[in-house]
Amino acid sequence: MLRVSRLTDYATVVMTCIAAHPTDVLSTAQIAEEARLELPTVSKLLKLLGHAGLVESFRGVNGGYRLARPAEAISLADIVEAMEGPIGLTECSLAEGHCERQSTCGVSGSWRAVSGTIDGVLRAMTLAQMLAGRPKAPAVQANA
């Protein structure tokens, strides 16, 4: 079965929570409450998402997180890559020379095509689209 990791799934939940409050700076606790995830998990996710340039953090009493760019400009692929690295179903679909059998393999080209299709779908789906399909959560009081 092909599937993303639990942390990647949670990262999309966290990102949609933040995207639901586009002008607000949300604390980690606020995000955890709205996402219904444990605070340490949300902290870990925010750190990884910040390193990937998807969220920006603010320090201080009114500190927290917000999206680094509009939800329309963040793809699902951006989130998956922030959590899992490059998108590829097999080693040979990531780049040439990653597999010792590539020169004699009859299916590597097909795997590259499948990986490319999945990559394209993930790049076409934006965070704004993910947010549009999300059930309405109770309002969270945002920092000013």
N, C-alpha and C. Protein backbone atom coordinates (compact mmCIF):
# COMPACT_ATOMS: atom_id res chain seq x y z
N MET A 1 0.84 -1.18 0.00
CA MET A 1 0.00 0.00 0.00
C MET A 1 0.89 1.24 0.00
N LEU A 2 0.57 2.17 -0.86
CA LEU A 2 1.28 3.45 -0.89
C LEU A 2 0.55 4.41 0.03
N ARG A 3 1.30 5.06 0.88
CA ARG A 3 0.68 6.06 1.75
C ARG A 3 1.73 7.01 2.28
N VAL A 4 1.26 8.21 2.62
CA VAL A 4 2.16 9.17 3.26
C VAL A 4 2.24 8.82 4.74
N SER A 5 3.27 9.30 5.38
CA SER A 5 3.44 9.03 6.80
C SER A 5 2.39 9.77 7.62
N ARG A 6 2.21 9.34 8.83
CA ARG A 6 1.28 9.99 9.74
C ARG A 6 1.68 11.45 9.96
N LEU A 7 2.98 11.71 10.10
CA LEU A 7 3.43 13.09 10.31
C LEU A 7 3.12 13.97 9.10
N THR A 8 3.23 13.42 7.91
CA THR A 8 2.89 14.20 6.71
C THR A 8 1.40 14.49 6.69
N ASP A 9 0.60 13.52 7.02
CA ASP A 9 -0.85 13.73 7.12
C ASP A 9 -1.15 14.82 8.14
N TYR A 10 -0.53 14.74 9.30
CA TYR A 10 -0.73 15.75 10.35
C TYR A 10 -0.23 17.13 9.89
N ALA A 11 0.84 17.14 9.10
CA ALA A 11 1.36 18.43 8.60
C ALA A 11 0.33 19.11 7.71
N THR A 12 -0.40 18.35 6.91
CA THR A 12 -1.45 18.96 6.08
C THR A 12 -2.58 19.49 6.95
N VAL A 13 -2.89 18.80 8.03
CA VAL A 13 -3.92 19.27 8.96
C VAL A 13 -3.48 20.58 9.60
N VAL A 14 -2.24 20.63 10.07
CA VAL A 14 -1.70 21.84 10.70
C VAL A 14 -1.68 23.00 9.69
N MET A 15 -1.25 22.73 8.49
CA MET A 15 -1.20 23.79 7.48
C MET A 15 -2.59 24.31 7.14
N THR A 16 -3.59 23.45 7.07
CA THR A 16 -4.94 23.92 6.78
C THR A 16 -5.50 24.71 7.96
N CYS A 17 -5.13 24.34 9.17
CA CYS A 17 -5.55 25.12 10.34
C CYS A 17 -5.00 26.54 10.26
N ILE A 18 -3.73 26.65 9.94
CA ILE A 18 -3.11 27.97 9.83
C ILE A 18 -3.72 28.74 8.67
N ALA A 19 -3.93 28.05 7.55
CA ALA A 19 -4.50 28.70 6.36
C ALA A 19 -5.91 29.22 6.61
N ALA A 20 -6.63 28.61 7.54
CA ALA A 20 -7.99 29.05 7.86
C ALA A 20 -7.99 30.41 8.55
N HIS A 21 -6.84 30.88 8.99
CA HIS A 21 -6.68 32.17 9.68
C HIS A 21 -5.58 32.96 8.98
N PRO A 22 -5.81 33.36 7.73
CA PRO A 22 -4.72 33.90 6.91
C PRO A 22 -4.07 35.18 7.42
N THR A 23 -4.76 35.97 8.21
CA THR A 23 -4.16 37.22 8.68
C THR A 23 -3.70 37.14 10.13
N ASP A 24 -3.92 36.01 10.76
CA ASP A 24 -3.60 35.87 12.18
C ASP A 24 -2.27 35.15 12.41
N VAL A 25 -1.68 35.44 13.54
CA VAL A 25 -0.52 34.71 14.03
C VAL A 25 -1.05 33.81 15.14
N LEU A 26 -0.95 32.49 14.93
CA LEU A 26 -1.50 31.53 15.87
C LEU A 26 -0.41 30.89 16.72
N SER A 27 -0.68 30.72 17.99
CA SER A 27 0.27 30.04 18.87
C SER A 27 0.25 28.54 18.59
N THR A 28 1.29 27.88 19.00
CA THR A 28 1.36 26.43 18.86
C THR A 28 0.19 25.77 19.58
N ALA A 29 -0.15 26.28 20.75
CA ALA A 29 -1.27 25.72 21.52
C ALA A 29 -2.60 25.90 20.78
N GLN A 30 -2.79 27.05 20.15
CA GLN A 30 -4.01 27.28 19.38
C GLN A 30 -4.11 26.33 18.20
N ILE A 31 -3.00 26.14 17.52
CA ILE A 31 -2.98 25.23 16.38
C ILE A 31 -3.26 23.81 16.84
N ALA A 32 -2.61 23.39 17.92
CA ALA A 32 -2.81 22.04 18.45
C ALA A 32 -4.27 21.82 18.84
N GLU A 33 -4.87 22.82 19.47
CA GLU A 33 -6.27 22.69 19.88
C GLU A 33 -7.19 22.56 18.67
N GLU A 34 -7.02 23.43 17.69
CA GLU A 34 -7.89 23.37 16.51
C GLU A 34 -7.67 22.10 15.71
N ALA A 35 -6.42 21.67 15.60
CA ALA A 35 -6.09 20.47 14.83
C ALA A 35 -6.39 19.19 15.61
N ARG A 36 -6.61 19.33 16.90
CA ARG A 36 -6.85 18.20 17.79
C ARG A 36 -5.66 17.22 17.76
N LEU A 37 -4.47 17.82 17.85
CA LEU A 37 -3.22 17.05 17.89
C LEU A 37 -2.46 17.41 19.15
N GLU A 38 -1.57 16.54 19.55
CA GLU A 38 -0.76 16.77 20.74
C GLU A 38 0.22 17.92 20.50
N LEU A 39 0.42 18.73 21.53
CA LEU A 39 1.29 19.90 21.44
C LEU A 39 2.71 19.56 20.98
N PRO A 40 3.36 18.50 21.53
CA PRO A 40 4.72 18.18 21.06
C PRO A 40 4.77 17.82 19.57
N THR A 41 3.74 17.15 19.09
CA THR A 41 3.68 16.79 17.67
C THR A 41 3.57 18.04 16.82
N VAL A 42 2.70 18.97 17.22
CA VAL A 42 2.52 20.21 16.47
C VAL A 42 3.81 21.02 16.49
N SER A 43 4.49 21.07 17.62
CA SER A 43 5.77 21.79 17.71
C SER A 43 6.79 21.22 16.74
N LYS A 44 6.88 19.90 16.69
CA LYS A 44 7.81 19.23 15.77
C LYS A 44 7.46 19.56 14.32
N LEU A 45 6.18 19.49 13.99
CA LEU A 45 5.74 19.77 12.62
C LEU A 45 6.05 21.21 12.23
N LEU A 46 5.76 22.15 13.13
CA LEU A 46 6.00 23.56 12.83
C LEU A 46 7.48 23.85 12.60
N LYS A 47 8.33 23.17 13.33
CA LYS A 47 9.77 23.33 13.15
C LYS A 47 10.17 22.87 11.75
N LEU A 48 9.70 21.70 11.33
CA LEU A 48 10.02 21.18 10.00
C LEU A 48 9.42 22.05 8.90
N LEU A 49 8.19 22.49 9.09
CA LEU A 49 7.52 23.34 8.10
C LEU A 49 8.20 24.71 8.01
N GLY A 50 8.71 25.19 9.13
CA GLY A 50 9.45 26.45 9.14
C GLY A 50 10.77 26.33 8.39
N HIS A 51 11.49 25.22 8.61
CA HIS A 51 12.75 25.00 7.90
C HIS A 51 12.53 24.92 6.39
N ALA A 52 11.37 24.44 6.00
CA ALA A 52 11.04 24.33 4.57
C ALA A 52 10.53 25.64 3.99
N GLY A 53 10.36 26.67 4.84
CA GLY A 53 9.90 27.97 4.37
C GLY A 53 8.40 28.03 4.12
N LEU A 54 7.64 27.12 4.71
CA LEU A 54 6.19 27.11 4.51
C LEU A 54 5.45 27.92 5.56
N VAL A 55 6.02 28.02 6.75
CA VAL A 55 5.44 28.87 7.79
C VAL A 55 6.53 29.79 8.30
N GLU A 56 6.11 30.92 8.83
CA GLU A 56 7.06 31.83 9.48
C GLU A 56 6.66 31.96 10.93
N SER A 57 7.67 32.12 11.77
CA SER A 57 7.41 32.20 13.20
C SER A 57 7.72 33.60 13.71
N PHE A 58 7.01 33.95 14.77
CA PHE A 58 7.17 35.24 15.42
C PHE A 58 7.35 34.99 16.91
N ARG A 59 8.35 35.64 17.47
CA ARG A 59 8.64 35.49 18.91
C ARG A 59 7.89 36.54 19.71
N GLY A 60 7.87 36.32 21.00
CA GLY A 60 7.29 37.32 21.89
C GLY A 60 5.93 36.92 22.41
N VAL A 61 5.36 37.81 23.20
CA VAL A 61 4.10 37.54 23.88
C VAL A 61 2.97 37.28 22.89
N ASN A 62 2.98 37.93 21.75
CA ASN A 62 1.97 37.70 20.72
C ASN A 62 2.53 36.87 19.57
N GLY A 63 3.54 36.07 19.88
CA GLY A 63 4.20 35.27 18.86
C GLY A 63 3.38 34.08 18.43
N GLY A 64 3.88 33.43 17.42
CA GLY A 64 3.21 32.24 16.90
C GLY A 64 3.62 32.01 15.46
N TYR A 65 2.68 31.46 14.69
CA TYR A 65 2.97 31.07 13.32
C TYR A 65 1.89 31.55 12.37
N ARG A 66 2.31 31.78 11.13
CA ARG A 66 1.39 32.02 10.03
C ARG A 66 2.06 31.49 8.77
N LEU A 67 1.27 31.37 7.71
CA LEU A 67 1.82 30.88 6.45
C LEU A 67 2.87 31.86 5.93
N ALA A 68 3.90 31.32 5.31
CA ALA A 68 4.96 32.16 4.75
C ALA A 68 4.56 32.76 3.40
N ARG A 69 3.57 32.16 2.76
CA ARG A 69 3.03 32.69 1.51
C ARG A 69 1.56 32.29 1.43
N PRO A 70 0.80 32.87 0.53
CA PRO A 70 -0.63 32.57 0.46
C PRO A 70 -0.90 31.07 0.24
N ALA A 71 -2.02 30.61 0.76
CA ALA A 71 -2.40 29.20 0.63
C ALA A 71 -2.48 28.76 -0.82
N GLU A 72 -2.81 29.69 -1.71
CA GLU A 72 -2.88 29.38 -3.14
C GLU A 72 -1.51 29.10 -3.74
N ALA A 73 -0.46 29.54 -3.06
CA ALA A 73 0.91 29.40 -3.56
C ALA A 73 1.67 28.26 -2.88
N ILE A 74 0.97 27.48 -2.06
CA ILE A 74 1.59 26.33 -1.38
C ILE A 74 0.90 25.08 -1.91
N SER A 75 1.69 24.19 -2.49
CA SER A 75 1.12 22.95 -3.02
C SER A 75 1.22 21.82 -2.00
N LEU A 76 0.42 20.81 -2.23
CA LEU A 76 0.51 19.62 -1.39
C LEU A 76 1.90 19.00 -1.53
N ALA A 77 2.49 19.11 -2.71
CA ALA A 77 3.85 18.61 -2.90
C ALA A 77 4.85 19.34 -2.01
N ASP A 78 4.66 20.64 -1.82
CA ASP A 78 5.54 21.40 -0.92
C ASP A 78 5.52 20.81 0.49
N ILE A 79 4.33 20.47 0.95
CA ILE A 79 4.19 19.92 2.30
C ILE A 79 4.79 18.52 2.38
N VAL A 80 4.49 17.68 1.39
CA VAL A 80 5.03 16.32 1.37
C VAL A 80 6.55 16.36 1.34
N GLU A 81 7.12 17.21 0.50
CA GLU A 81 8.58 17.30 0.41
C GLU A 81 9.20 17.84 1.69
N ALA A 82 8.52 18.73 2.37
CA ALA A 82 9.03 19.26 3.64
C ALA A 82 9.14 18.15 4.68
N MET A 83 8.22 17.22 4.61
CA MET A 83 8.18 16.15 5.62
C MET A 83 8.98 14.91 5.20
N GLU A 84 8.96 14.58 3.91
CA GLU A 84 9.48 13.28 3.47
C GLU A 84 10.63 13.36 2.48
N GLY A 85 10.93 14.56 1.99
CA GLY A 85 11.97 14.68 0.99
C GLY A 85 11.39 14.56 -0.41
N PRO A 86 12.25 14.36 -1.40
CA PRO A 86 11.80 14.33 -2.79
C PRO A 86 10.73 13.26 -3.02
N ILE A 87 9.82 13.56 -3.93
CA ILE A 87 8.72 12.65 -4.25
C ILE A 87 9.18 11.67 -5.31
N GLY A 88 9.14 10.40 -4.99
CA GLY A 88 9.51 9.34 -5.92
C GLY A 88 9.10 8.01 -5.34
N LEU A 89 8.49 7.18 -6.15
CA LEU A 89 8.03 5.89 -5.66
C LEU A 89 9.15 4.86 -5.57
N THR A 90 10.17 5.02 -6.40
CA THR A 90 11.31 4.11 -6.39
C THR A 90 12.59 4.94 -6.41
N GLU A 91 13.70 4.32 -6.10
CA GLU A 91 14.99 5.03 -6.13
C GLU A 91 15.28 5.56 -7.52
N CYS A 92 14.98 4.78 -8.54
CA CYS A 92 15.32 5.21 -9.90
C CYS A 92 14.40 6.32 -10.40
N SER A 93 13.27 6.51 -9.75
CA SER A 93 12.37 7.58 -10.20
C SER A 93 12.78 8.94 -9.64
N LEU A 94 13.70 8.96 -8.69
CA LEU A 94 14.19 10.22 -8.14
C LEU A 94 15.22 10.87 -9.05
N ALA A 95 16.15 10.07 -9.54
CA ALA A 95 17.20 10.59 -10.42
C ALA A 95 17.96 9.42 -11.02
N GLU A 96 18.62 9.69 -12.12
CA GLU A 96 19.44 8.66 -12.77
C GLU A 96 20.59 8.26 -11.84
N GLY A 97 20.94 6.99 -11.88
CA GLY A 97 22.11 6.51 -11.17
C GLY A 97 21.88 6.12 -9.72
N HIS A 98 20.65 6.12 -9.25
CA HIS A 98 20.38 5.74 -7.86
C HIS A 98 20.22 4.23 -7.70
N CYS A 99 20.13 3.52 -8.80
CA CYS A 99 19.93 2.07 -8.72
C CYS A 99 20.97 1.38 -9.58
N GLU A 100 21.62 0.36 -9.04
CA GLU A 100 22.66 -0.36 -9.76
C GLU A 100 22.09 -1.18 -10.92
N ARG A 101 20.79 -1.44 -10.92
CA ARG A 101 20.17 -2.26 -11.96
C ARG A 101 19.49 -1.43 -13.04
N GLN A 102 19.58 -0.14 -12.95
CA GLN A 102 18.85 0.74 -13.84
C GLN A 102 19.15 0.48 -15.32
N SER A 103 20.39 0.19 -15.65
CA SER A 103 20.76 0.00 -17.06
C SER A 103 20.14 -1.26 -17.66
N THR A 104 19.78 -2.21 -16.84
CA THR A 104 19.20 -3.45 -17.35
C THR A 104 17.73 -3.62 -16.96
N CYS A 105 17.19 -2.63 -16.31
CA CYS A 105 15.81 -2.74 -15.80
C CYS A 105 14.80 -2.36 -16.89
N GLY A 106 13.80 -3.18 -17.05
CA GLY A 106 12.78 -2.92 -18.05
C GLY A 106 11.60 -2.11 -17.56
N VAL A 107 11.58 -1.74 -16.27
CA VAL A 107 10.42 -1.02 -15.75
C VAL A 107 10.76 0.34 -15.15
N SER A 108 12.02 0.71 -15.12
CA SER A 108 12.38 1.98 -14.48
C SER A 108 11.73 3.17 -15.16
N GLY A 109 11.62 3.15 -16.47
CA GLY A 109 10.97 4.25 -17.19
C GLY A 109 9.50 4.35 -16.82
N SER A 110 8.86 3.22 -16.64
CA SER A 110 7.45 3.23 -16.23
C SER A 110 7.29 3.78 -14.82
N TRP A 111 8.18 3.40 -13.93
CA TRP A 111 8.12 3.93 -12.57
C TRP A 111 8.34 5.43 -12.56
N ARG A 112 9.24 5.92 -13.41
CA ARG A 112 9.47 7.36 -13.50
C ARG A 112 8.20 8.06 -13.99
N ALA A 113 7.51 7.45 -14.92
CA ALA A 113 6.26 8.04 -15.43
C ALA A 113 5.19 8.08 -14.33
N VAL A 114 5.06 7.00 -13.58
CA VAL A 114 4.08 6.96 -12.48
C VAL A 114 4.43 8.00 -11.43
N SER A 115 5.69 8.06 -11.05
CA SER A 115 6.13 9.05 -10.06
C SER A 115 5.88 10.47 -10.55
N GLY A 116 6.14 10.70 -11.83
CA GLY A 116 5.91 12.02 -12.40
C GLY A 116 4.44 12.41 -12.37
N THR A 117 3.58 11.45 -12.62
CA THR A 117 2.14 11.72 -12.58
C THR A 117 1.69 12.07 -11.17
N ILE A 118 2.15 11.30 -10.19
CA ILE A 118 1.80 11.57 -8.79
C ILE A 118 2.35 12.92 -8.37
N ASP A 119 3.59 13.21 -8.75
CA ASP A 119 4.19 14.50 -8.44
C ASP A 119 3.35 15.63 -9.04
N GLY A 120 2.90 15.46 -10.26
CA GLY A 120 2.09 16.48 -10.91
C GLY A 120 0.77 16.72 -10.19
N VAL A 121 0.14 15.66 -9.75
CA VAL A 121 -1.13 15.80 -9.01
C VAL A 121 -0.89 16.54 -7.69
N LEU A 122 0.17 16.17 -6.98
CA LEU A 122 0.47 16.83 -5.71
C LEU A 122 0.83 18.30 -5.91
N ARG A 123 1.49 18.63 -7.00
CA ARG A 123 1.84 20.03 -7.29
C ARG A 123 0.62 20.84 -7.72
N ALA A 124 -0.35 20.17 -8.33
CA ALA A 124 -1.55 20.86 -8.79
C ALA A 124 -2.53 21.16 -7.65
N MET A 125 -2.48 20.39 -6.57
CA MET A 125 -3.38 20.57 -5.43
C MET A 125 -2.78 21.59 -4.47
N THR A 126 -3.47 22.71 -4.27
CA THR A 126 -2.96 23.75 -3.39
C THR A 126 -3.52 23.61 -1.98
N LEU A 127 -2.86 24.26 -1.06
CA LEU A 127 -3.35 24.31 0.31
C LEU A 127 -4.73 24.96 0.36
N ALA A 128 -4.96 25.95 -0.48
CA ALA A 128 -6.28 26.60 -0.53
C ALA A 128 -7.36 25.59 -0.93
N GLN A 129 -7.05 24.70 -1.86
CA GLN A 129 -8.00 23.66 -2.25
C GLN A 129 -8.23 22.67 -1.12
N MET A 130 -7.18 22.34 -0.41
CA MET A 130 -7.32 21.44 0.75
C MET A 130 -8.21 22.09 1.80
N LEU A 131 -8.02 23.38 2.02
CA LEU A 131 -8.81 24.12 2.99
C LEU A 131 -10.28 24.17 2.58
N ALA A 132 -10.54 24.32 1.29
CA ALA A 132 -11.92 24.40 0.80
C ALA A 132 -12.69 23.13 1.08
N GLY A 133 -12.01 22.00 1.11
CA GLY A 133 -12.67 20.72 1.37
C GLY A 133 -12.71 20.33 2.83
N ARG A 134 -12.21 21.19 3.68
CA ARG A 134 -12.11 20.90 5.12
C ARG A 134 -13.39 21.29 5.84
N PRO A 135 -13.90 20.42 6.73
CA PRO A 135 -15.06 20.82 7.52
C PRO A 135 -14.72 22.01 8.42
N LYS A 136 -15.68 22.83 8.67
CA LYS A 136 -15.47 24.01 9.52
C LYS A 136 -15.17 23.57 10.94
N ALA A 137 -14.08 24.10 11.47
CA ALA A 137 -13.69 23.83 12.85
C ALA A 137 -14.18 24.97 13.74
N PRO A 138 -14.30 24.71 15.03
CA PRO A 138 -14.67 25.81 15.91
C PRO A 138 -13.63 26.90 15.84
N ALA A 139 -14.07 28.14 15.96
CA ALA A 139 -13.16 29.30 15.91
C ALA A 139 -12.16 29.23 17.04
N VAL A 140 -10.92 29.60 16.74
CA VAL A 140 -9.85 29.67 17.72
C VAL A 140 -9.49 31.13 17.90
N GLN A 141 -9.39 31.57 19.13
CA GLN A 141 -9.04 32.96 19.39
C GLN A 141 -7.60 33.18 18.96
N ALA A 142 -7.37 34.05 17.99
CA ALA A 142 -6.04 34.31 17.45
C ALA A 142 -5.37 35.45 18.22
N ASN A 143 -4.01 35.39 18.19
CA ASN A 143 -3.24 36.50 18.77
C ASN A 143 -3.41 37.73 17.88
N ALA A 144 -3.34 38.88 18.48
CA ALA A 144 -3.45 40.13 17.70
C ALA A 144 -2.20 40.42 16.95
